[in-house]
Amino acid sequence: MSHENYSSVIQTLNDCITACNHCYDACLKEEHVNMMVECIRLDRECAEICSFLAQAKGRGTPFSSELAEVCVKICESCGNECKKHDHEHCQKCAEACLRCAEECRKLVA
């Protein structure tokens, strides 16, 4: 299947990457940054796996199911962590991550 067939998934992954990168940057500027450490760490993990999966889907990886399974796990972890914080950037990131997890779940065989 060509990458065009996965444009919706790739767009959702890219939306998640953008939200995670914004959240990561905004968390570093929070007054009590030490309370944001886990959020920051998971933002980076999530952006990285989403980026890798988007690239892999674009080139037609045979490991789609396995990568998507890892992506679901990391996106859910990041989304659940972000939900714990009241900051708008965290709440928007949580929405993007959980939406991405749901979309990637469809790729798991």
C-alpha atoms as a PDB file:
ATOM      1  CA  MET A   1       0.000   0.000   0.000  1.00  0.00           C
ATOM      2  CA  SER A   2       1.361   3.409  -0.879  1.00  0.00           C
ATOM      3  CA  HIS A   3       1.896   6.251   1.565  1.00  0.00           C
ATOM      4  CA  GLU A   4      -1.111   8.095   0.096  1.00  0.00           C
ATOM      5  CA  ASN A   5      -3.347   5.471   1.693  1.00  0.00           C
ATOM      6  CA  TYR A   6      -2.000   6.488   5.081  1.00  0.00           C
ATOM      7  CA  SER A   7      -2.230  10.265   4.690  1.00  0.00           C
ATOM      8  CA  SER A   8      -4.766  10.525   7.544  1.00  0.00           C
ATOM      9  CA  VAL A   9      -2.521   8.564   9.916  1.00  0.00           C
ATOM     10  CA  ILE A  10       0.535  10.535   8.856  1.00  0.00           C
ATOM     11  CA  GLN A  11      -1.335  13.824   9.395  1.00  0.00           C
ATOM     12  CA  THR A  12      -2.442  12.697  12.865  1.00  0.00           C
ATOM     13  CA  LEU A  13       1.145  11.717  13.686  1.00  0.00           C
ATOM     14  CA  ASN A  14       2.376  15.110  12.498  1.00  0.00           C
ATOM     15  CA  ASP A  15      -0.291  16.884  14.572  1.00  0.00           C
ATOM     16  CA  CYS A  16       0.888  14.933  17.619  1.00  0.00           C
ATOM     17  CA  ILE A  17       4.527  15.803  16.925  1.00  0.00           C
ATOM     18  CA  THR A  18       3.632  19.493  16.727  1.00  0.00           C
ATOM     19  CA  ALA A  19       1.607  19.381  19.955  1.00  0.00           C
ATOM     20  CA  CYS A  20       4.343  17.496  21.817  1.00  0.00           C
ATOM     21  CA  ASN A  21       7.063  19.862  20.651  1.00  0.00           C
ATOM     22  CA  HIS A  22       4.989  22.881  21.675  1.00  0.00           C
ATOM     23  CA  CYS A  23       4.195  21.324  25.059  1.00  0.00           C
ATOM     24  CA  TYR A  24       7.845  20.406  25.604  1.00  0.00           C
ATOM     25  CA  ASP A  25       8.963  23.968  24.921  1.00  0.00           C
ATOM     26  CA  ALA A  26       6.171  25.513  27.013  1.00  0.00           C
ATOM     27  CA  CYS A  27       6.839  23.163  29.943  1.00  0.00           C
ATOM     28  CA  LEU A  28      10.462  24.285  30.050  1.00  0.00           C
ATOM     29  CA  LYS A  29       9.206  27.835  30.611  1.00  0.00           C
ATOM     30  CA  GLU A  30       6.829  26.962  33.456  1.00  0.00           C
ATOM     31  CA  GLU A  31       7.560  28.465  36.881  1.00  0.00           C
ATOM     32  CA  HIS A  32       7.795  25.056  38.572  1.00  0.00           C
ATOM     33  CA  VAL A  33       9.614  23.216  35.808  1.00  0.00           C
ATOM     34  CA  ASN A  34      10.669  20.453  38.219  1.00  0.00           C
ATOM     35  CA  MET A  35       7.012  19.381  38.391  1.00  0.00           C
ATOM     36  CA  MET A  36       6.986  19.067  34.596  1.00  0.00           C
ATOM     37  CA  VAL A  37       9.936  16.690  34.215  1.00  0.00           C
ATOM     38  CA  GLU A  38       7.901  13.599  33.339  1.00  0.00           C
ATOM     39  CA  CYS A  39       5.722  15.587  30.945  1.00  0.00           C
ATOM     40  CA  ILE A  40       8.814  16.972  29.207  1.00  0.00           C
ATOM     41  CA  ARG A  41      10.412  13.527  28.956  1.00  0.00           C
ATOM     42  CA  LEU A  42       7.287  11.939  27.518  1.00  0.00           C
ATOM     43  CA  ASP A  43       6.759  14.840  25.099  1.00  0.00           C
ATOM     44  CA  ARG A  44      10.183  14.058  23.626  1.00  0.00           C
ATOM     45  CA  GLU A  45       9.571  10.298  23.513  1.00  0.00           C
ATOM     46  CA  CYS A  46       6.201  10.780  21.870  1.00  0.00           C
ATOM     47  CA  ALA A  47       7.402  13.263  19.254  1.00  0.00           C
ATOM     48  CA  GLU A  48      10.293  10.974  18.346  1.00  0.00           C
ATOM     49  CA  ILE A  49       8.249   7.777  17.928  1.00  0.00           C
ATOM     50  CA  CYS A  50       5.538   9.616  15.989  1.00  0.00           C
ATOM     51  CA  SER A  51       8.167  11.099  13.692  1.00  0.00           C
ATOM     52  CA  PHE A  52       9.752   7.702  13.133  1.00  0.00           C
ATOM     53  CA  LEU A  53       6.405   6.032  12.429  1.00  0.00           C
ATOM     54  CA  ALA A  54       5.352   8.797  10.013  1.00  0.00           C
ATOM     55  CA  GLN A  55       8.603   8.398   8.094  1.00  0.00           C
ATOM     56  CA  ALA A  56       8.350   4.610   8.152  1.00  0.00           C
ATOM     57  CA  LYS A  57       4.747   4.680   6.889  1.00  0.00           C
ATOM     58  CA  GLY A  58       5.826   7.026   4.117  1.00  0.00           C
ATOM     59  CA  ARG A  59       8.386   4.526   2.889  1.00  0.00           C
ATOM     60  CA  GLY A  60       6.087   1.503   3.270  1.00  0.00           C
ATOM     61  CA  THR A  61       7.688  -0.222   6.242  1.00  0.00           C
ATOM     62  CA  PRO A  62       6.887  -3.911   6.759  1.00  0.00           C
ATOM     63  CA  PHE A  63       7.023  -3.250  10.529  1.00  0.00           C
ATOM     64  CA  SER A  64       3.962  -1.022  10.620  1.00  0.00           C
ATOM     65  CA  SER A  65       2.041  -3.064  13.168  1.00  0.00           C
ATOM     66  CA  GLU A  66       4.947  -3.367  15.595  1.00  0.00           C
ATOM     67  CA  LEU A  67       5.868   0.315  15.365  1.00  0.00           C
ATOM     68  CA  ALA A  68       2.249   1.367  15.708  1.00  0.00           C
ATOM     69  CA  GLU A  69       1.915  -0.748  18.846  1.00  0.00           C
ATOM     70  CA  VAL A  70       4.860   1.053  20.458  1.00  0.00           C
ATOM     71  CA  CYS A  71       3.488   4.395  19.274  1.00  0.00           C
ATOM     72  CA  VAL A  72       0.105   3.674  20.882  1.00  0.00           C
ATOM     73  CA  LYS A  73       1.779   2.900  24.198  1.00  0.00           C
ATOM     74  CA  ILE A  74       3.947   6.023  24.210  1.00  0.00           C
ATOM     75  CA  CYS A  75       1.157   8.330  22.969  1.00  0.00           C
ATOM     76  CA  GLU A  76      -1.171   7.046  25.696  1.00  0.00           C
ATOM     77  CA  SER A  77       1.515   7.537  28.349  1.00  0.00           C
ATOM     78  CA  CYS A  78       2.224  11.064  27.162  1.00  0.00           C
ATOM     79  CA  GLY A  79      -1.465  11.928  26.866  1.00  0.00           C
ATOM     80  CA  ASN A  80      -2.233  10.613  30.337  1.00  0.00           C
ATOM     81  CA  GLU A  81       0.693  12.529  31.845  1.00  0.00           C
ATOM     82  CA  CYS A  82      -0.281  15.745  30.090  1.00  0.00           C
ATOM     83  CA  LYS A  83      -3.874  15.401  31.338  1.00  0.00           C
ATOM     84  CA  LYS A  84      -2.555  15.705  34.902  1.00  0.00           C
ATOM     85  CA  HIS A  85      -1.473  19.316  34.283  1.00  0.00           C
ATOM     86  CA  ASP A  86      -3.858  22.267  33.991  1.00  0.00           C
ATOM     87  CA  HIS A  87      -1.747  24.199  31.492  1.00  0.00           C
ATOM     88  CA  GLU A  88      -3.501  24.753  28.168  1.00  0.00           C
ATOM     89  CA  HIS A  89      -0.505  23.416  26.233  1.00  0.00           C
ATOM     90  CA  CYS A  90      -0.625  20.196  28.261  1.00  0.00           C
ATOM     91  CA  GLN A  91      -4.363  19.760  27.727  1.00  0.00           C
ATOM     92  CA  LYS A  92      -4.021  20.296  23.963  1.00  0.00           C
ATOM     93  CA  CYS A  93      -1.093  17.897  23.861  1.00  0.00           C
ATOM     94  CA  ALA A  94      -3.103  15.285  25.755  1.00  0.00           C
ATOM     95  CA  GLU A  95      -5.898  15.554  23.184  1.00  0.00           C
ATOM     96  CA  ALA A  96      -3.466  15.206  20.263  1.00  0.00           C
ATOM     97  CA  CYS A  97      -1.652  12.260  21.863  1.00  0.00           C
ATOM     98  CA  LEU A  98      -4.797  10.334  22.711  1.00  0.00           C
ATOM     99  CA  ARG A  99      -6.233  10.983  19.237  1.00  0.00           C
ATOM    100  CA  CYS A 100      -2.951   9.737  17.740  1.00  0.00           C
ATOM    101  CA  ALA A 101      -2.998   6.621  19.919  1.00  0.00           C
ATOM    102  CA  GLU A 102      -6.500   5.840  18.703  1.00  0.00           C
ATOM    103  CA  GLU A 103      -5.513   6.330  15.056  1.00  0.00           C
ATOM    104  CA  CYS A 104      -2.370   4.200  15.435  1.00  0.00           C
ATOM    105  CA  ARG A 105      -4.353   1.470  17.172  1.00  0.00           C
ATOM    106  CA  LYS A 106      -6.030   0.880  13.785  1.00  0.00           C
ATOM    107  CA  LEU A 107      -2.627  -0.081  12.328  1.00  0.00           C
ATOM    108  CA  VAL A 108      -1.941  -2.810  14.893  1.00  0.00           C
ATOM    109  CA  ALA A 109      -2.618  -6.177  13.318  1.00  0.00           C
END
